[in-house]
Amino acid sequence: MSGDNRRESTVELLVALLSDAAESAPLMIVLDDVQWMDSASWAVTLGAARKVSPLLLVLVTRPNPEQEMLDDLSSIGTSAHL
């Protein structure tokens, strides 16, 4: 299994586990200092935001997050930047 396939499988597995947990009770996940997250963590976070329901996902970052981060979140359509 290649590194990319392993990464995708791991992301899918983690999102599926969160989805299963959300079936029995709503989830709230709070992540602090998201400006330091690596690409794999970001992939899991975005995957969960898109596919896990019900989910309240709170991401805390420095006052001026990178524009790419905001673009990724706004593509979901159910996000709010406070």
Protein backbone atom coordinates (compact mmCIF):
# COMPACT_ATOMS: atom_id res chain seq x y z
CA MET A 1 0.00 0.00 0.00
CA SER A 2 1.42 3.35 -1.01
CA GLY A 3 1.79 6.24 1.42
CA ASP A 4 -1.03 8.20 -0.24
CA ASN A 5 -3.39 5.21 -0.10
CA ARG A 6 -2.53 4.63 3.54
CA ARG A 7 -3.19 8.28 4.35
CA GLU A 8 -6.56 8.27 2.57
CA SER A 9 -7.57 5.01 4.27
CA THR A 10 -6.61 6.37 7.68
CA VAL A 11 -8.60 9.58 7.11
CA GLU A 12 -11.64 7.56 5.93
CA LEU A 13 -11.38 5.25 8.95
CA LEU A 14 -11.21 8.12 11.45
CA VAL A 15 -14.13 9.92 9.82
CA ALA A 16 -16.14 6.67 9.82
CA LEU A 17 -15.42 6.17 13.53
CA LEU A 18 -16.62 9.70 14.27
CA SER A 19 -19.73 9.12 12.14
CA ASP A 20 -20.53 5.95 14.07
CA ALA A 21 -20.15 7.80 17.36
CA ALA A 22 -22.42 10.59 16.13
CA GLU A 23 -25.19 8.10 15.40
CA SER A 24 -25.70 7.45 19.10
CA ALA A 25 -25.26 11.04 20.37
CA PRO A 26 -24.37 14.46 18.92
CA LEU A 27 -20.65 15.21 18.95
CA MET A 28 -18.76 18.32 19.89
CA ILE A 29 -15.07 18.49 19.06
CA VAL A 30 -12.90 21.45 20.11
CA LEU A 31 -9.48 21.84 18.52
CA ASP A 32 -7.15 24.58 19.75
CA ASP A 33 -4.16 26.06 17.92
CA VAL A 34 -5.31 24.70 14.56
CA GLN A 35 -2.74 26.89 12.82
CA TRP A 36 -0.21 24.22 13.88
CA MET A 37 -2.12 21.23 12.45
CA ASP A 38 -0.38 19.15 9.82
CA SER A 39 -2.00 18.19 6.52
CA ALA A 40 -3.18 14.79 7.79
CA SER A 41 -4.90 16.34 10.81
CA TRP A 42 -6.45 18.97 8.57
CA ALA A 43 -7.74 16.24 6.20
CA VAL A 44 -9.43 14.43 9.11
CA THR A 45 -10.91 17.69 10.39
CA LEU A 46 -12.35 18.69 7.00
CA GLY A 47 -13.59 15.15 6.37
CA ALA A 48 -15.40 15.15 9.71
CA ALA A 49 -16.86 18.59 9.05
CA ARG A 50 -18.23 17.41 5.69
CA LYS A 51 -19.45 13.93 6.61
CA VAL A 52 -20.19 13.65 10.35
CA SER A 53 -23.61 14.69 11.54
CA PRO A 54 -24.65 15.88 14.05
CA LEU A 55 -21.33 17.57 14.83
CA LEU A 56 -20.37 20.87 16.40
CA LEU A 57 -16.76 21.47 15.44
CA VAL A 58 -15.02 24.39 17.15
CA LEU A 59 -11.64 25.39 15.74
CA VAL A 60 -9.58 27.91 17.66
CA THR A 61 -6.76 29.72 15.90
CA ARG A 62 -4.71 32.88 16.11
CA PRO A 63 -6.51 36.14 15.25
CA ASN A 64 -5.40 36.10 11.60
CA PRO A 65 -5.58 32.54 10.28
CA GLU A 66 -4.19 31.69 6.88
CA GLN A 67 -6.58 32.45 4.03
CA GLU A 68 -6.30 28.88 2.74
CA MET A 69 -7.66 27.59 6.05
CA LEU A 70 -10.65 29.93 5.84
CA ASP A 71 -11.26 28.97 2.20
CA ASP A 72 -11.31 25.27 3.10
CA LEU A 73 -13.82 25.90 5.87
CA SER A 74 -16.07 28.17 3.83
CA SER A 75 -16.27 25.50 1.10
CA ILE A 76 -18.22 23.37 3.58
CA GLY A 77 -21.05 25.89 3.63
CA THR A 78 -22.11 25.40 7.25
CA SER A 79 -19.24 27.24 8.89
CA ALA A 80 -19.03 30.60 10.60
CA HIS A 81 -15.92 32.67 11.16
CA LEU A 82 -16.22 34.61 14.41
